[in-house]
Amino acid sequence: MRDEKELLAKWIRSQLDKSNYVFIADFSKVTVKEVTKLRRELAKEAGEFHVVKNSILSIAASEHSLPIAKDILQGQNAIIVGGDNPSGVAKIIKKFNKSSNGEKFIVKGGVLDSEALSCSDIDALAELPSKEVLRGQLLATLSAPAQQCVRVLNAVPQGMLNVLQARAEM
Protein backbone atom coordinates (compact mmCIF):
# COMPACT_ATOMS: atom_id res chain seq x y z
CA MET A 1 0.00 0.00 0.00
CA ARG A 2 2.89 2.37 0.73
CA ASP A 3 4.21 1.97 -2.83
CA GLU A 4 0.77 2.87 -4.17
CA LYS A 5 0.69 6.10 -2.17
CA GLU A 6 4.20 7.00 -3.29
CA LEU A 7 3.21 6.41 -6.90
CA LEU A 8 0.10 8.60 -6.48
CA ALA A 9 2.14 11.35 -4.79
CA LYS A 10 4.65 11.23 -7.64
CA TRP A 11 1.84 11.50 -10.19
CA ILE A 12 0.26 14.48 -8.38
CA ARG A 13 3.67 16.16 -8.18
CA SER A 14 4.02 15.73 -11.95
CA GLN A 15 0.59 17.36 -12.41
CA LEU A 16 1.60 20.28 -10.20
CA ASP A 17 4.93 20.60 -12.07
CA LYS A 18 3.31 21.18 -15.43
CA SER A 19 1.15 24.08 -14.31
CA ASN A 20 1.69 27.39 -12.55
CA TYR A 21 -1.78 27.17 -11.05
CA VAL A 22 -4.05 24.69 -9.32
CA PHE A 23 -7.74 25.16 -8.53
CA ILE A 24 -9.36 22.97 -5.90
CA ALA A 25 -13.06 22.17 -6.01
CA ASP A 26 -15.61 19.99 -4.26
CA PHE A 27 -17.18 17.76 -6.88
CA SER A 28 -19.22 15.49 -4.60
CA LYS A 29 -22.59 16.36 -6.18
CA VAL A 30 -21.45 16.37 -9.81
CA THR A 31 -22.46 13.50 -12.05
CA VAL A 32 -20.06 11.59 -14.28
CA LYS A 33 -21.76 13.05 -17.35
CA GLU A 34 -21.20 16.59 -16.05
CA VAL A 35 -17.56 15.87 -15.20
CA THR A 36 -17.04 14.54 -18.72
CA LYS A 37 -18.52 17.73 -20.14
CA LEU A 38 -16.29 19.83 -17.88
CA ARG A 39 -13.21 17.85 -18.92
CA ARG A 40 -14.02 18.47 -22.60
CA GLU A 41 -14.35 22.21 -21.98
CA LEU A 42 -11.13 22.32 -19.97
CA ALA A 43 -9.29 20.46 -22.75
CA LYS A 44 -9.90 23.47 -25.02
CA GLU A 45 -7.63 25.47 -22.69
CA ALA A 46 -5.28 22.50 -22.09
CA GLY A 47 -6.68 22.21 -18.55
CA GLU A 48 -7.17 18.91 -16.76
CA PHE A 49 -9.60 17.79 -14.06
CA HIS A 50 -8.33 15.12 -11.64
CA VAL A 51 -9.90 13.58 -8.56
CA VAL A 52 -7.27 13.39 -5.83
CA LYS A 53 -6.91 12.12 -2.32
CA ASN A 54 -6.56 15.00 0.15
CA SER A 55 -3.69 13.50 2.15
CA ILE A 56 -1.60 12.87 -0.95
CA LEU A 57 -2.41 16.32 -2.36
CA SER A 58 -1.32 17.84 0.94
CA ILE A 59 2.03 16.02 0.76
CA ALA A 60 2.62 16.99 -2.88
CA ALA A 61 1.61 20.61 -2.21
CA SER A 62 3.97 20.91 0.74
CA GLU A 63 6.82 19.54 -1.39
CA HIS A 64 6.06 22.27 -3.96
CA SER A 65 5.66 24.91 -1.20
CA LEU A 66 2.11 25.64 -2.34
CA PRO A 67 0.10 27.53 0.27
CA ILE A 68 -3.01 25.36 0.37
CA ALA A 69 -5.04 25.85 3.54
CA LYS A 70 -5.87 22.72 5.53
CA ASP A 71 -9.59 23.63 5.64
CA ILE A 72 -9.73 23.44 1.83
CA LEU A 73 -8.55 19.85 1.95
CA GLN A 74 -11.77 18.49 3.45
CA GLY A 75 -14.34 16.34 1.68
CA GLN A 76 -14.15 15.07 -1.87
CA ASN A 77 -11.80 17.28 -3.86
CA ALA A 78 -10.60 17.54 -7.41
CA ILE A 79 -7.78 19.62 -8.80
CA ILE A 80 -7.78 21.53 -12.05
CA VAL A 81 -4.33 22.11 -13.54
CA GLY A 82 -2.56 22.50 -16.86
CA GLY A 83 -2.40 24.91 -19.71
CA ASP A 84 -0.89 28.35 -19.76
CA ASN A 85 -4.10 30.36 -19.47
CA PRO A 86 -5.41 30.29 -15.89
CA SER A 87 -7.89 33.03 -16.74
CA GLY A 88 -9.46 30.93 -19.51
CA VAL A 89 -9.68 27.91 -17.20
CA ALA A 90 -11.25 30.06 -14.47
CA LYS A 91 -13.84 31.25 -17.02
CA ILE A 92 -14.73 27.65 -17.87
CA ILE A 93 -15.04 26.77 -14.18
CA LYS A 94 -17.24 29.80 -13.52
CA LYS A 95 -19.46 28.99 -16.51
CA PHE A 96 -19.78 25.37 -15.36
CA ASN A 97 -20.54 26.53 -11.83
CA LYS A 98 -23.31 28.83 -13.11
CA SER A 99 -24.82 26.02 -15.17
CA SER A 100 -25.19 24.01 -11.97
CA ASN A 101 -26.47 27.07 -10.05
CA GLY A 102 -23.39 26.92 -7.83
CA GLU A 103 -24.85 24.00 -5.92
CA LYS A 104 -23.05 20.99 -7.34
CA PHE A 105 -19.55 22.22 -8.10
CA ILE A 106 -17.99 24.36 -5.39
CA VAL A 107 -14.63 25.98 -6.00
CA LYS A 108 -12.85 26.13 -2.65
CA GLY A 109 -9.67 27.98 -3.62
CA GLY A 110 -6.43 27.55 -5.41
CA VAL A 111 -2.89 28.67 -6.00
CA LEU A 112 -1.47 30.82 -8.81
CA ASP A 113 2.30 31.34 -9.03
CA SER A 114 2.74 30.24 -5.39
CA GLU A 115 0.09 32.72 -4.19
CA ALA A 116 -3.03 31.45 -2.46
CA LEU A 117 -6.33 32.27 -4.17
CA SER A 118 -9.73 32.51 -2.54
CA CYS A 119 -13.01 31.84 -4.34
CA SER A 120 -13.44 35.57 -4.99
CA ASP A 121 -9.91 35.76 -6.42
CA ILE A 122 -10.75 32.97 -8.86
CA ASP A 123 -13.96 34.81 -9.85
CA ALA A 124 -11.91 37.96 -10.45
CA LEU A 125 -9.47 35.93 -12.55
CA ALA A 126 -12.40 34.68 -14.62
CA GLU A 127 -13.46 38.27 -15.32
CA LEU A 128 -10.12 39.16 -16.90
CA PRO A 129 -10.03 39.49 -20.68
CA SER A 130 -8.45 36.69 -22.66
CA LYS A 131 -4.74 36.63 -23.45
CA GLU A 132 -5.33 37.76 -27.02
CA VAL A 133 -7.39 40.76 -25.91
CA LEU A 134 -4.77 41.74 -23.33
CA ARG A 135 -2.03 41.47 -25.96
CA GLY A 136 -4.06 43.68 -28.31
CA GLN A 137 -4.60 46.26 -25.58
CA LEU A 138 -0.89 46.26 -24.75
CA LEU A 139 0.03 46.65 -28.41
CA ALA A 140 -2.41 49.55 -28.78
CA THR A 141 -0.96 51.22 -25.69
CA LEU A 142 2.60 50.79 -26.95
CA SER A 143 1.85 52.03 -30.47
CA ALA A 144 -0.26 55.06 -29.42
CA PRO A 145 2.70 57.45 -28.85
CA ALA A 146 4.17 56.60 -32.26
CA GLN A 147 0.80 57.18 -33.94
CA GLN A 148 0.41 60.54 -32.20
CA CYS A 149 3.94 61.55 -33.24
CA VAL A 150 3.15 60.73 -36.87
CA ARG A 151 -0.05 62.80 -36.68
CA VAL A 152 1.85 65.80 -35.27
CA LEU A 153 4.56 65.54 -37.91
CA ASN A 154 1.93 65.18 -40.63
CA ALA A 155 -0.04 68.23 -39.40
CA VAL A 156 2.45 70.82 -40.73
CA PRO A 157 2.52 69.62 -44.36
CA GLN A 158 -1.24 68.98 -44.22
CA GLY A 159 -1.79 72.58 -43.02
CA MET A 160 0.39 73.89 -45.84
CA LEU A 161 -1.58 71.82 -48.37
CA ASN A 162 -4.84 73.22 -47.01
CA VAL A 163 -3.55 76.80 -47.40
CA LEU A 164 -2.35 76.13 -50.98
CA GLN A 165 -5.65 74.43 -51.84
CA ALA A 166 -7.61 77.40 -50.50
CA ARG A 167 -5.38 79.80 -52.46
CA ALA A 168 -5.83 77.77 -55.64
CA GLU A 169 -9.61 77.87 -55.29
CA MET A 170 -9.70 81.70 -55.04
C-alpha atoms as a PDB file:
ATOM      1  CA  MET A   1       0.000   0.000   0.000  1.00  0.00           C
ATOM      2  CA  ARG A   2       2.886   2.366   0.727  1.00  0.00           C
ATOM      3  CA  ASP A   3       4.211   1.967  -2.831  1.00  0.00           C
ATOM      4  CA  GLU A   4       0.766   2.866  -4.165  1.00  0.00           C
ATOM      5  CA  LYS A   5       0.687   6.104  -2.169  1.00  0.00           C
ATOM      6  CA  GLU A   6       4.200   6.998  -3.285  1.00  0.00           C
ATOM      7  CA  LEU A   7       3.211   6.414  -6.896  1.00  0.00           C
ATOM      8  CA  LEU A   8       0.095   8.603  -6.476  1.00  0.00           C
ATOM      9  CA  ALA A   9       2.139  11.345  -4.786  1.00  0.00           C
ATOM     10  CA  LYS A  10       4.654  11.235  -7.641  1.00  0.00           C
ATOM     11  CA  TRP A  11       1.843  11.495 -10.187  1.00  0.00           C
ATOM     12  CA  ILE A  12       0.257  14.481  -8.383  1.00  0.00           C
ATOM     13  CA  ARG A  13       3.670  16.161  -8.185  1.00  0.00           C
ATOM     14  CA  SER A  14       4.017  15.730 -11.949  1.00  0.00           C
ATOM     15  CA  GLN A  15       0.592  17.358 -12.414  1.00  0.00           C
ATOM     16  CA  LEU A  16       1.604  20.285 -10.204  1.00  0.00           C
ATOM     17  CA  ASP A  17       4.933  20.604 -12.068  1.00  0.00           C
ATOM     18  CA  LYS A  18       3.313  21.175 -15.435  1.00  0.00           C
ATOM     19  CA  SER A  19       1.151  24.076 -14.308  1.00  0.00           C
ATOM     20  CA  ASN A  20       1.694  27.392 -12.551  1.00  0.00           C
ATOM     21  CA  TYR A  21      -1.784  27.167 -11.051  1.00  0.00           C
ATOM     22  CA  VAL A  22      -4.046  24.691  -9.325  1.00  0.00           C
ATOM     23  CA  PHE A  23      -7.740  25.157  -8.535  1.00  0.00           C
ATOM     24  CA  ILE A  24      -9.356  22.967  -5.896  1.00  0.00           C
ATOM     25  CA  ALA A  25     -13.062  22.172  -6.008  1.00  0.00           C
ATOM     26  CA  ASP A  26     -15.612  19.993  -4.255  1.00  0.00           C
ATOM     27  CA  PHE A  27     -17.178  17.764  -6.875  1.00  0.00           C
ATOM     28  CA  SER A  28     -19.222  15.492  -4.603  1.00  0.00           C
ATOM     29  CA  LYS A  29     -22.594  16.363  -6.183  1.00  0.00           C
ATOM     30  CA  VAL A  30     -21.448  16.371  -9.812  1.00  0.00           C
ATOM     31  CA  THR A  31     -22.462  13.497 -12.050  1.00  0.00           C
ATOM     32  CA  VAL A  32     -20.061  11.586 -14.280  1.00  0.00           C
ATOM     33  CA  LYS A  33     -21.758  13.054 -17.351  1.00  0.00           C
ATOM     34  CA  GLU A  34     -21.202  16.591 -16.048  1.00  0.00           C
ATOM     35  CA  VAL A  35     -17.561  15.866 -15.201  1.00  0.00           C
ATOM     36  CA  THR A  36     -17.044  14.536 -18.717  1.00  0.00           C
ATOM     37  CA  LYS A  37     -18.525  17.732 -20.140  1.00  0.00           C
ATOM     38  CA  LEU A  38     -16.289  19.834 -17.876  1.00  0.00           C
ATOM     39  CA  ARG A  39     -13.208  17.853 -18.924  1.00  0.00           C
ATOM     40  CA  ARG A  40     -14.024  18.468 -22.603  1.00  0.00           C
ATOM     41  CA  GLU A  41     -14.355  22.206 -21.982  1.00  0.00           C
ATOM     42  CA  LEU A  42     -11.127  22.315 -19.971  1.00  0.00           C
ATOM     43  CA  ALA A  43      -9.290  20.456 -22.748  1.00  0.00           C
ATOM     44  CA  LYS A  44      -9.904  23.468 -25.022  1.00  0.00           C
ATOM     45  CA  GLU A  45      -7.628  25.468 -22.693  1.00  0.00           C
ATOM     46  CA  ALA A  46      -5.281  22.504 -22.089  1.00  0.00           C
ATOM     47  CA  GLY A  47      -6.682  22.209 -18.554  1.00  0.00           C
ATOM     48  CA  GLU A  48      -7.173  18.913 -16.763  1.00  0.00           C
ATOM     49  CA  PHE A  49      -9.597  17.787 -14.055  1.00  0.00           C
ATOM     50  CA  HIS A  50      -8.333  15.118 -11.644  1.00  0.00           C
ATOM     51  CA  VAL A  51      -9.898  13.583  -8.562  1.00  0.00           C
ATOM     52  CA  VAL A  52      -7.271  13.386  -5.832  1.00  0.00           C
ATOM     53  CA  LYS A  53      -6.907  12.117  -2.321  1.00  0.00           C
ATOM     54  CA  ASN A  54      -6.561  15.001   0.148  1.00  0.00           C
ATOM     55  CA  SER A  55      -3.688  13.503   2.153  1.00  0.00           C
ATOM     56  CA  ILE A  56      -1.601  12.870  -0.951  1.00  0.00           C
ATOM     57  CA  LEU A  57      -2.407  16.321  -2.364  1.00  0.00           C
ATOM     58  CA  SER A  58      -1.316  17.837   0.939  1.00  0.00           C
ATOM     59  CA  ILE A  59       2.028  16.024   0.760  1.00  0.00           C
ATOM     60  CA  ALA A  60       2.616  16.992  -2.877  1.00  0.00           C
ATOM     61  CA  ALA A  61       1.611  20.612  -2.214  1.00  0.00           C
ATOM     62  CA  SER A  62       3.968  20.906   0.744  1.00  0.00           C
ATOM     63  CA  GLU A  63       6.819  19.545  -1.387  1.00  0.00           C
ATOM     64  CA  HIS A  64       6.057  22.268  -3.955  1.00  0.00           C
ATOM     65  CA  SER A  65       5.664  24.906  -1.201  1.00  0.00           C
ATOM     66  CA  LEU A  66       2.114  25.635  -2.342  1.00  0.00           C
ATOM     67  CA  PRO A  67       0.098  27.534   0.269  1.00  0.00           C
ATOM     68  CA  ILE A  68      -3.014  25.362   0.366  1.00  0.00           C
ATOM     69  CA  ALA A  69      -5.040  25.850   3.541  1.00  0.00           C
ATOM     70  CA  LYS A  70      -5.874  22.716   5.529  1.00  0.00           C
ATOM     71  CA  ASP A  71      -9.585  23.628   5.640  1.00  0.00           C
ATOM     72  CA  ILE A  72      -9.733  23.444   1.834  1.00  0.00           C
ATOM     73  CA  LEU A  73      -8.548  19.846   1.946  1.00  0.00           C
ATOM     74  CA  GLN A  74     -11.766  18.492   3.449  1.00  0.00           C
ATOM     75  CA  GLY A  75     -14.342  16.343   1.682  1.00  0.00           C
ATOM     76  CA  GLN A  76     -14.152  15.074  -1.873  1.00  0.00           C
ATOM     77  CA  ASN A  77     -11.803  17.278  -3.858  1.00  0.00           C
ATOM     78  CA  ALA A  78     -10.604  17.536  -7.408  1.00  0.00           C
ATOM     79  CA  ILE A  79      -7.784  19.624  -8.800  1.00  0.00           C
ATOM     80  CA  ILE A  80      -7.777  21.528 -12.055  1.00  0.00           C
ATOM     81  CA  VAL A  81      -4.326  22.106 -13.539  1.00  0.00           C
ATOM     82  CA  GLY A  82      -2.564  22.498 -16.863  1.00  0.00           C
ATOM     83  CA  GLY A  83      -2.402  24.910 -19.710  1.00  0.00           C
ATOM     84  CA  ASP A  84      -0.887  28.347 -19.763  1.00  0.00           C
ATOM     85  CA  ASN A  85      -4.098  30.360 -19.469  1.00  0.00           C
ATOM     86  CA  PRO A  86      -5.411  30.290 -15.889  1.00  0.00           C
ATOM     87  CA  SER A  87      -7.895  33.032 -16.744  1.00  0.00           C
ATOM     88  CA  GLY A  88      -9.456  30.929 -19.505  1.00  0.00           C
ATOM     89  CA  VAL A  89      -9.675  27.913 -17.204  1.00  0.00           C
ATOM     90  CA  ALA A  90     -11.245  30.063 -14.473  1.00  0.00           C
ATOM     91  CA  LYS A  91     -13.840  31.249 -17.020  1.00  0.00           C
ATOM     92  CA  ILE A  92     -14.731  27.654 -17.874  1.00  0.00           C
ATOM     93  CA  ILE A  93     -15.041  26.774 -14.185  1.00  0.00           C
ATOM     94  CA  LYS A  94     -17.236  29.802 -13.525  1.00  0.00           C
ATOM     95  CA  LYS A  95     -19.461  28.989 -16.509  1.00  0.00           C
ATOM     96  CA  PHE A  96     -19.781  25.373 -15.364  1.00  0.00           C
ATOM     97  CA  ASN A  97     -20.542  26.530 -11.827  1.00  0.00           C
ATOM     98  CA  LYS A  98     -23.306  28.831 -13.114  1.00  0.00           C
ATOM     99  CA  SER A  99     -24.820  26.023 -15.174  1.00  0.00           C
ATOM    100  CA  SER A 100     -25.186  24.008 -11.968  1.00  0.00           C
ATOM    101  CA  ASN A 101     -26.467  27.067 -10.053  1.00  0.00           C
ATOM    102  CA  GLY A 102     -23.389  26.917  -7.833  1.00  0.00           C
ATOM    103  CA  GLU A 103     -24.854  24.002  -5.917  1.00  0.00           C
ATOM    104  CA  LYS A 104     -23.050  20.995  -7.344  1.00  0.00           C
ATOM    105  CA  PHE A 105     -19.545  22.216  -8.104  1.00  0.00           C
ATOM    106  CA  ILE A 106     -17.993  24.362  -5.389  1.00  0.00           C
ATOM    107  CA  VAL A 107     -14.626  25.981  -6.003  1.00  0.00           C
ATOM    108  CA  LYS A 108     -12.851  26.135  -2.654  1.00  0.00           C
ATOM    109  CA  GLY A 109      -9.675  27.978  -3.622  1.00  0.00           C
ATOM    110  CA  GLY A 110      -6.432  27.555  -5.406  1.00  0.00           C
ATOM    111  CA  VAL A 111      -2.887  28.671  -6.001  1.00  0.00           C
ATOM    112  CA  LEU A 112      -1.467  30.815  -8.810  1.00  0.00           C
ATOM    113  CA  ASP A 113       2.296  31.345  -9.032  1.00  0.00           C
ATOM    114  CA  SER A 114       2.740  30.238  -5.392  1.00  0.00           C
ATOM    115  CA  GLU A 115       0.090  32.719  -4.187  1.00  0.00           C
ATOM    116  CA  ALA A 116      -3.033  31.453  -2.461  1.00  0.00           C
ATOM    117  CA  LEU A 117      -6.330  32.272  -4.172  1.00  0.00           C
ATOM    118  CA  SER A 118      -9.731  32.511  -2.537  1.00  0.00           C
ATOM    119  CA  CYS A 119     -13.005  31.842  -4.337  1.00  0.00           C
ATOM    120  CA  SER A 120     -13.439  35.568  -4.985  1.00  0.00           C
ATOM    121  CA  ASP A 121      -9.907  35.756  -6.421  1.00  0.00           C
ATOM    122  CA  ILE A 122     -10.750  32.968  -8.863  1.00  0.00           C
ATOM    123  CA  ASP A 123     -13.957  34.809  -9.848  1.00  0.00           C
ATOM    124  CA  ALA A 124     -11.908  37.964 -10.452  1.00  0.00           C
ATOM    125  CA  LEU A 125      -9.470  35.932 -12.546  1.00  0.00           C
ATOM    126  CA  ALA A 126     -12.402  34.679 -14.617  1.00  0.00           C
ATOM    127  CA  GLU A 127     -13.457  38.266 -15.317  1.00  0.00           C
ATOM    128  CA  LEU A 128     -10.115  39.165 -16.898  1.00  0.00           C
ATOM    129  CA  PRO A 129     -10.029  39.492 -20.683  1.00  0.00           C
ATOM    130  CA  SER A 130      -8.451  36.686 -22.658  1.00  0.00           C
ATOM    131  CA  LYS A 131      -4.742  36.630 -23.449  1.00  0.00           C
ATOM    132  CA  GLU A 132      -5.331  37.758 -27.024  1.00  0.00           C
ATOM    133  CA  VAL A 133      -7.392  40.759 -25.913  1.00  0.00           C
ATOM    134  CA  LEU A 134      -4.770  41.738 -23.330  1.00  0.00           C
ATOM    135  CA  ARG A 135      -2.034  41.470 -25.956  1.00  0.00           C
ATOM    136  CA  GLY A 136      -4.063  43.676 -28.311  1.00  0.00           C
ATOM    137  CA  GLN A 137      -4.604  46.263 -25.583  1.00  0.00           C
ATOM    138  CA  LEU A 138      -0.888  46.261 -24.750  1.00  0.00           C
ATOM    139  CA  LEU A 139       0.029  46.649 -28.415  1.00  0.00           C
ATOM    140  CA  ALA A 140      -2.411  49.548 -28.785  1.00  0.00           C
ATOM    141  CA  THR A 141      -0.958  51.217 -25.694  1.00  0.00           C
ATOM    142  CA  LEU A 142       2.598  50.787 -26.947  1.00  0.00           C
ATOM    143  CA  SER A 143       1.849  52.033 -30.470  1.00  0.00           C
ATOM    144  CA  ALA A 144      -0.261  55.057 -29.415  1.00  0.00           C
ATOM    145  CA  PRO A 145       2.700  57.446 -28.849  1.00  0.00           C
ATOM    146  CA  ALA A 146       4.167  56.596 -32.261  1.00  0.00           C
ATOM    147  CA  GLN A 147       0.797  57.176 -33.940  1.00  0.00           C
ATOM    148  CA  GLN A 148       0.412  60.542 -32.205  1.00  0.00           C
ATOM    149  CA  CYS A 149       3.936  61.552 -33.237  1.00  0.00           C
ATOM    150  CA  VAL A 150       3.155  60.729 -36.875  1.00  0.00           C
ATOM    151  CA  ARG A 151      -0.048  62.800 -36.680  1.00  0.00           C
ATOM    152  CA  VAL A 152       1.848  65.799 -35.268  1.00  0.00           C
ATOM    153  CA  LEU A 153       4.559  65.544 -37.913  1.00  0.00           C
ATOM    154  CA  ASN A 154       1.925  65.182 -40.631  1.00  0.00           C
ATOM    155  CA  ALA A 155      -0.039  68.234 -39.399  1.00  0.00           C
ATOM    156  CA  VAL A 156       2.453  70.822 -40.726  1.00  0.00           C
ATOM    157  CA  PRO A 157       2.522  69.618 -44.360  1.00  0.00           C
ATOM    158  CA  GLN A 158      -1.244  68.984 -44.224  1.00  0.00           C
ATOM    159  CA  GLY A 159      -1.786  72.577 -43.025  1.00  0.00           C
ATOM    160  CA  MET A 160       0.394  73.889 -45.841  1.00  0.00           C
ATOM    161  CA  LEU A 161      -1.580  71.819 -48.372  1.00  0.00           C
ATOM    162  CA  ASN A 162      -4.843  73.216 -47.012  1.00  0.00           C
ATOM    163  CA  VAL A 163      -3.550  76.805 -47.402  1.00  0.00           C
ATOM    164  CA  LEU A 164      -2.350  76.131 -50.976  1.00  0.00           C
ATOM    165  CA  GLN A 165      -5.653  74.430 -51.844  1.00  0.00           C
ATOM    166  CA  ALA A 166      -7.612  77.403 -50.500  1.00  0.00           C
ATOM    167  CA  ARG A 167      -5.377  79.799 -52.456  1.00  0.00           C
ATOM    168  CA  ALA A 168      -5.829  77.774 -55.636  1.00  0.00           C
ATOM    169  CA  GLU A 169      -9.612  77.869 -55.288  1.00  0.00           C
ATOM    170  CA  MET A 170      -9.698  81.697 -55.040  1.00  0.00           C
END
